[in-house]
Amino acid sequence: MVGTMNSHKILDELVDYLLEILNELNTTELSPFNEGQKTAFVVCLEVLQLNGFERLSDLNIEKVYPI
């Protein structure tokens, strides 16, 4: 059980983590593993966006993190 953390706070922390890693991946040459990692993280953000996670509503994920 998560305790006092609510689902919105957990999702915020997940988005922070995904964006941090994706920003790092955007600045380096990608190995095949990193390409897969980037694809998976982009898809995670897109799923959150498609399900109405407001923080991502204005982010053009595919433009900022092309896969």
PDB file of N, CA and C in Angstrom:
ATOM      1  N   MET A   1       0.841  -1.189   0.000  1.00  0.00           N
ATOM      2  CA  MET A   1       0.000   0.000   0.000  1.00  0.00           C
ATOM      3  C   MET A   1       0.876   1.239   0.000  1.00  0.00           C
ATOM      4  N   VAL A   2       0.425   2.266  -0.658  1.00  0.00           N
ATOM      5  CA  VAL A   2       1.214   3.456  -0.851  1.00  0.00           C
ATOM      6  C   VAL A   2       1.159   4.397   0.352  1.00  0.00           C
ATOM      7  N   GLY A   3       0.214   4.259   1.209  1.00  0.00           N
ATOM      8  CA  GLY A   3       0.116   5.146   2.351  1.00  0.00           C
ATOM      9  C   GLY A   3      -0.643   6.408   1.998  1.00  0.00           C
ATOM     10  N   THR A   4      -0.046   7.555   2.309  1.00  0.00           N
ATOM     11  CA  THR A   4      -0.752   8.820   2.112  1.00  0.00           C
ATOM     12  C   THR A   4      -0.588   9.408   0.715  1.00  0.00           C
ATOM     13  N   MET A   5       0.258   8.832  -0.123  1.00  0.00           N
ATOM     14  CA  MET A   5       0.410   9.355  -1.488  1.00  0.00           C
ATOM     15  C   MET A   5      -0.842   9.048  -2.299  1.00  0.00           C
ATOM     16  N   ASN A   6      -1.387  10.062  -2.940  1.00  0.00           N
ATOM     17  CA  ASN A   6      -2.543   9.801  -3.782  1.00  0.00           C
ATOM     18  C   ASN A   6      -2.083   9.504  -5.210  1.00  0.00           C
ATOM     19  N   SER A   7      -2.982   9.049  -6.027  1.00  0.00           N
ATOM     20  CA  SER A   7      -2.635   8.620  -7.380  1.00  0.00           C
ATOM     21  C   SER A   7      -2.119   9.777  -8.231  1.00  0.00           C
ATOM     22  N   HIS A   8      -2.641  10.978  -8.041  1.00  0.00           N
ATOM     23  CA  HIS A   8      -2.174  12.119  -8.827  1.00  0.00           C
ATOM     24  C   HIS A   8      -0.711  12.432  -8.509  1.00  0.00           C
ATOM     25  N   LYS A   9      -0.341  12.374  -7.253  1.00  0.00           N
ATOM     26  CA  LYS A   9       1.046  12.631  -6.841  1.00  0.00           C
ATOM     27  C   LYS A   9       1.973  11.560  -7.413  1.00  0.00           C
ATOM     28  N   ILE A  10       1.538  10.327  -7.400  1.00  0.00           N
ATOM     29  CA  ILE A  10       2.341   9.237  -7.955  1.00  0.00           C
ATOM     30  C   ILE A  10       2.549   9.442  -9.446  1.00  0.00           C
ATOM     31  N   LEU A  11       1.478   9.792 -10.156  1.00  0.00           N
ATOM     32  CA  LEU A  11       1.598  10.047 -11.593  1.00  0.00           C
ATOM     33  C   LEU A  11       2.490  11.242 -11.879  1.00  0.00           C
ATOM     34  N   ASP A  12       2.411  12.277 -11.055  1.00  0.00           N
ATOM     35  CA  ASP A  12       3.298  13.436 -11.224  1.00  0.00           C
ATOM     36  C   ASP A  12       4.760  13.015 -11.108  1.00  0.00           C
ATOM     37  N   GLU A  13       5.065  12.188 -10.125  1.00  0.00           N
ATOM     38  CA  GLU A  13       6.443  11.728  -9.950  1.00  0.00           C
ATOM     39  C   GLU A  13       6.880  10.836 -11.103  1.00  0.00           C
ATOM     40  N   LEU A  14       5.985  10.012 -11.594  1.00  0.00           N
ATOM     41  CA  LEU A  14       6.298   9.171 -12.745  1.00  0.00           C
ATOM     42  C   LEU A  14       6.586  10.034 -13.971  1.00  0.00           C
ATOM     43  N   VAL A  15       5.768  11.042 -14.221  1.00  0.00           N
ATOM     44  CA  VAL A  15       5.975  11.928 -15.359  1.00  0.00           C
ATOM     45  C   VAL A  15       7.310  12.665 -15.215  1.00  0.00           C
ATOM     46  N   ASP A  16       7.626  13.149 -14.016  1.00  0.00           N
ATOM     47  CA  ASP A  16       8.923  13.798 -13.793  1.00  0.00           C
ATOM     48  C   ASP A  16      10.063  12.875 -14.181  1.00  0.00           C
ATOM     49  N   TYR A  17       9.987  11.634 -13.748  1.00  0.00           N
ATOM     50  CA  TYR A  17      11.031  10.651 -14.044  1.00  0.00           C
ATOM     51  C   TYR A  17      11.130  10.398 -15.549  1.00  0.00           C
ATOM     52  N   LEU A  18       9.994  10.159 -16.192  1.00  0.00           N
ATOM     53  CA  LEU A  18       9.997   9.878 -17.627  1.00  0.00           C
ATOM     54  C   LEU A  18      10.559  11.048 -18.425  1.00  0.00           C
ATOM     55  N   LEU A  19      10.159  12.261 -18.086  1.00  0.00           N
ATOM     56  CA  LEU A  19      10.645  13.439 -18.804  1.00  0.00           C
ATOM     57  C   LEU A  19      12.148  13.642 -18.581  1.00  0.00           C
ATOM     58  N   GLU A  20      12.606  13.407 -17.384  1.00  0.00           N
ATOM     59  CA  GLU A  20      14.036  13.538 -17.087  1.00  0.00           C
ATOM     60  C   GLU A  20      14.858  12.562 -17.933  1.00  0.00           C
ATOM     61  N   ILE A  21      14.438  11.314 -17.960  1.00  0.00           N
ATOM     62  CA  ILE A  21      15.163  10.305 -18.738  1.00  0.00           C
ATOM     63  C   ILE A  21      15.066  10.608 -20.229  1.00  0.00           C
ATOM     64  N   LEU A  22      13.892  10.978 -20.711  1.00  0.00           N
ATOM     65  CA  LEU A  22      13.737  11.286 -22.137  1.00  0.00           C
ATOM     66  C   LEU A  22      14.591  12.487 -22.550  1.00  0.00           C
ATOM     67  N   ASN A  23      14.697  13.485 -21.685  1.00  0.00           N
ATOM     68  CA  ASN A  23      15.561  14.624 -21.991  1.00  0.00           C
ATOM     69  C   ASN A  23      17.021  14.187 -22.094  1.00  0.00           C
ATOM     70  N   GLU A  24      17.441  13.291 -21.221  1.00  0.00           N
ATOM     71  CA  GLU A  24      18.800  12.753 -21.297  1.00  0.00           C
ATOM     72  C   GLU A  24      18.994  11.952 -22.585  1.00  0.00           C
ATOM     73  N   LEU A  25      18.015  11.128 -22.925  1.00  0.00           N
ATOM     74  CA  LEU A  25      18.123  10.301 -24.125  1.00  0.00           C
ATOM     75  C   LEU A  25      18.140  11.145 -25.393  1.00  0.00           C
ATOM     76  N   ASN A  26      17.510  12.312 -25.359  1.00  0.00           N
ATOM     77  CA  ASN A  26      17.491  13.193 -26.525  1.00  0.00           C
ATOM     78  C   ASN A  26      18.851  13.820 -26.805  1.00  0.00           C
ATOM     79  N   THR A  27      19.764  13.742 -25.852  1.00  0.00           N
ATOM     80  CA  THR A  27      21.058  14.403 -26.008  1.00  0.00           C
ATOM     81  C   THR A  27      22.202  13.425 -26.252  1.00  0.00           C
ATOM     82  N   THR A  28      21.889  12.192 -26.537  1.00  0.00           N
ATOM     83  CA  THR A  28      22.937  11.193 -26.703  1.00  0.00           C
ATOM     84  C   THR A  28      22.634  10.278 -27.879  1.00  0.00           C
ATOM     85  N   GLU A  29      23.665   9.649 -28.395  1.00  0.00           N
ATOM     86  CA  GLU A  29      23.468   8.635 -29.433  1.00  0.00           C
ATOM     87  C   GLU A  29      22.881   7.392 -28.764  1.00  0.00           C
ATOM     88  N   LEU A  30      21.848   6.854 -29.363  1.00  0.00           N
ATOM     89  CA  LEU A  30      21.113   5.771 -28.717  1.00  0.00           C
ATOM     90  C   LEU A  30      21.589   4.396 -29.164  1.00  0.00           C
ATOM     91  N   SER A  31      21.780   3.544 -28.178  1.00  0.00           N
ATOM     92  CA  SER A  31      22.025   2.129 -28.448  1.00  0.00           C
ATOM     93  C   SER A  31      20.669   1.491 -28.739  1.00  0.00           C
ATOM     94  N   PRO A  32      20.651   0.267 -29.249  1.00  0.00           N
ATOM     95  CA  PRO A  32      19.359  -0.399 -29.451  1.00  0.00           C
ATOM     96  C   PRO A  32      18.539  -0.486 -28.162  1.00  0.00           C
ATOM     97  N   PHE A  33      19.197  -0.741 -27.030  1.00  0.00           N
ATOM     98  CA  PHE A  33      18.474  -0.792 -25.753  1.00  0.00           C
ATOM     99  C   PHE A  33      17.848   0.564 -25.452  1.00  0.00           C
ATOM    100  N   ASN A  34      18.635   1.651 -25.624  1.00  0.00           N
ATOM    101  CA  ASN A  34      18.124   2.991 -25.336  1.00  0.00           C
ATOM    102  C   ASN A  34      16.994   3.385 -26.277  1.00  0.00           C
ATOM    103  N   GLU A  35      17.043   2.934 -27.522  1.00  0.00           N
ATOM    104  CA  GLU A  35      15.944   3.202 -28.447  1.00  0.00           C
ATOM    105  C   GLU A  35      14.651   2.567 -27.943  1.00  0.00           C
ATOM    106  N   GLY A  36      14.754   1.338 -27.461  1.00  0.00           N
ATOM    107  CA  GLY A  36      13.583   0.662 -26.905  1.00  0.00           C
ATOM    108  C   GLY A  36      13.078   1.338 -25.647  1.00  0.00           C
ATOM    109  N   GLN A  37      14.020   1.753 -24.816  1.00  0.00           N
ATOM    110  CA  GLN A  37      13.666   2.458 -23.587  1.00  0.00           C
ATOM    111  C   GLN A  37      12.930   3.763 -23.920  1.00  0.00           C
ATOM    112  N   LYS A  38      13.459   4.514 -24.875  1.00  0.00           N
ATOM    113  CA  LYS A  38      12.835   5.777 -25.269  1.00  0.00           C
ATOM    114  C   LYS A  38      11.426   5.537 -25.811  1.00  0.00           C
ATOM    115  N   THR A  39      11.290   4.524 -26.652  1.00  0.00           N
ATOM    116  CA  THR A  39       9.972   4.199 -27.205  1.00  0.00           C
ATOM    117  C   THR A  39       8.982   3.865 -26.095  1.00  0.00           C
ATOM    118  N   ALA A  40       9.398   3.043 -25.151  1.00  0.00           N
ATOM    119  CA  ALA A  40       8.511   2.655 -24.045  1.00  0.00           C
ATOM    120  C   ALA A  40       8.105   3.861 -23.208  1.00  0.00           C
ATOM    121  N   PHE A  41       9.054   4.761 -22.932  1.00  0.00           N
ATOM    122  CA  PHE A  41       8.744   5.926 -22.111  1.00  0.00           C
ATOM    123  C   PHE A  41       7.827   6.900 -22.848  1.00  0.00           C
ATOM    124  N   VAL A  42       8.040   7.060 -24.156  1.00  0.00           N
ATOM    125  CA  VAL A  42       7.164   7.917 -24.951  1.00  0.00           C
ATOM    126  C   VAL A  42       5.741   7.352 -24.956  1.00  0.00           C
ATOM    127  N   VAL A  43       5.624   6.059 -25.119  1.00  0.00           N
ATOM    128  CA  VAL A  43       4.301   5.429 -25.106  1.00  0.00           C
ATOM    129  C   VAL A  43       3.626   5.627 -23.748  1.00  0.00           C
ATOM    130  N   CYS A  44       4.380   5.511 -22.664  1.00  0.00           N
ATOM    131  CA  CYS A  44       3.804   5.755 -21.332  1.00  0.00           C
ATOM    132  C   CYS A  44       3.228   7.167 -21.234  1.00  0.00           C
ATOM    133  N   LEU A  45       3.992   8.152 -21.708  1.00  0.00           N
ATOM    134  CA  LEU A  45       3.491   9.531 -21.677  1.00  0.00           C
ATOM    135  C   LEU A  45       2.249   9.689 -22.542  1.00  0.00           C
ATOM    136  N   GLU A  46       2.256   9.049 -23.718  1.00  0.00           N
ATOM    137  CA  GLU A  46       1.097   9.150 -24.604  1.00  0.00           C
ATOM    138  C   GLU A  46      -0.144   8.524 -23.982  1.00  0.00           C
ATOM    139  N   VAL A  47       0.016   7.416 -23.295  1.00  0.00           N
ATOM    140  CA  VAL A  47      -1.122   6.774 -22.625  1.00  0.00           C
ATOM    141  C   VAL A  47      -1.683   7.703 -21.554  1.00  0.00           C
ATOM    142  N   LEU A  48      -0.805   8.302 -20.770  1.00  0.00           N
ATOM    143  CA  LEU A  48      -1.276   9.249 -19.747  1.00  0.00           C
ATOM    144  C   LEU A  48      -1.987  10.436 -20.387  1.00  0.00           C
ATOM    145  N   GLN A  49      -1.423  10.942 -21.478  1.00  0.00           N
ATOM    146  CA  GLN A  49      -2.025  12.079 -22.178  1.00  0.00           C
ATOM    147  C   GLN A  49      -3.401  11.714 -22.736  1.00  0.00           C
ATOM    148  N   LEU A  50      -3.494  10.567 -23.372  1.00  0.00           N
ATOM    149  CA  LEU A  50      -4.772  10.136 -23.956  1.00  0.00           C
ATOM    150  C   LEU A  50      -5.842   9.885 -22.905  1.00  0.00           C
ATOM    151  N   ASN A  51      -5.414   9.604 -21.674  1.00  0.00           N
ATOM    152  CA  ASN A  51      -6.359   9.376 -20.591  1.00  0.00           C
ATOM    153  C   ASN A  51      -6.618  10.629 -19.764  1.00  0.00           C
ATOM    154  N   GLY A  52      -6.235  11.775 -20.330  1.00  0.00           N
ATOM    155  CA  GLY A  52      -6.625  13.041 -19.736  1.00  0.00           C
ATOM    156  C   GLY A  52      -5.733  13.572 -18.630  1.00  0.00           C
ATOM    157  N   PHE A  53      -4.499  13.078 -18.506  1.00  0.00           N
ATOM    158  CA  PHE A  53      -3.604  13.618 -17.491  1.00  0.00           C
ATOM    159  C   PHE A  53      -3.268  15.050 -17.883  1.00  0.00           C
ATOM    160  N   GLU A  54      -3.855  15.988 -17.150  1.00  0.00           N
ATOM    161  CA  GLU A  54      -3.869  17.404 -17.531  1.00  0.00           C
ATOM    162  C   GLU A  54      -2.477  17.997 -17.731  1.00  0.00           C
ATOM    163  N   ARG A  55      -1.535  17.603 -16.953  1.00  0.00           N
ATOM    164  CA  ARG A  55      -0.183  18.161 -17.040  1.00  0.00           C
ATOM    165  C   ARG A  55       0.437  17.970 -18.428  1.00  0.00           C
ATOM    166  N   LEU A  56       0.022  16.925 -19.135  1.00  0.00           N
ATOM    167  CA  LEU A  56       0.583  16.621 -20.448  1.00  0.00           C
ATOM    168  C   LEU A  56      -0.282  17.124 -21.600  1.00  0.00           C
ATOM    169  N   SER A  57      -1.348  17.840 -21.300  1.00  0.00           N
ATOM    170  CA  SER A  57      -2.317  18.206 -22.333  1.00  0.00           C
ATOM    171  C   SER A  57      -1.730  19.073 -23.444  1.00  0.00           C
ATOM    172  N   ASP A  58      -0.765  19.926 -23.129  1.00  0.00           N
ATOM    173  CA  ASP A  58      -0.199  20.824 -24.138  1.00  0.00           C
ATOM    174  C   ASP A  58       1.124  20.336 -24.729  1.00  0.00           C
ATOM    175  N   LEU A  59       1.588  19.187 -24.300  1.00  0.00           N
ATOM    176  CA  LEU A  59       2.875  18.674 -24.768  1.00  0.00           C
ATOM    177  C   LEU A  59       2.701  17.881 -26.056  1.00  0.00           C
ATOM    178  N   ASN A  60       3.428  18.265 -27.094  1.00  0.00           N
ATOM    179  CA  ASN A  60       3.446  17.498 -28.338  1.00  0.00           C
ATOM    180  C   ASN A  60       4.554  16.455 -28.190  1.00  0.00           C
ATOM    181  N   ILE A  61       4.205  15.331 -27.622  1.00  0.00           N
ATOM    182  CA  ILE A  61       5.180  14.312 -27.229  1.00  0.00           C
ATOM    183  C   ILE A  61       5.999  13.832 -28.416  1.00  0.00           C
ATOM    184  N   GLU A  62       5.343  13.527 -29.515  1.00  0.00           N
ATOM    185  CA  GLU A  62       6.052  12.998 -30.696  1.00  0.00           C
ATOM    186  C   GLU A  62       7.026  14.014 -31.287  1.00  0.00           C
ATOM    187  N   LYS A  63       6.715  15.301 -31.165  1.00  0.00           N
ATOM    188  CA  LYS A  63       7.603  16.334 -31.695  1.00  0.00           C
ATOM    189  C   LYS A  63       8.824  16.527 -30.788  1.00  0.00           C
ATOM    190  N   VAL A  64       8.586  16.537 -29.489  1.00  0.00           N
ATOM    191  CA  VAL A  64       9.678  16.769 -28.542  1.00  0.00           C
ATOM    192  C   VAL A  64      10.553  15.532 -28.379  1.00  0.00           C
ATOM    193  N   TYR A  65       9.929  14.354 -28.428  1.00  0.00           N
ATOM    194  CA  TYR A  65      10.648  13.088 -28.248  1.00  0.00           C
ATOM    195  C   TYR A  65      10.350  12.153 -29.420  1.00  0.00           C
ATOM    196  N   PRO A  66      10.877  12.483 -30.592  1.00  0.00           N
ATOM    197  CA  PRO A  66      10.566  11.652 -31.774  1.00  0.00           C
ATOM    198  C   PRO A  66      11.127  10.235 -31.616  1.00  0.00           C
ATOM    199  N   ILE A  67      10.342   9.272 -32.070  1.00  0.00           N
ATOM    200  CA  ILE A  67      10.786   7.876 -32.023  1.00  0.00           C
ATOM    201  C   ILE A  67      10.773   7.284 -33.419  1.00  0.00           C
TER     202      ILE A  67
END
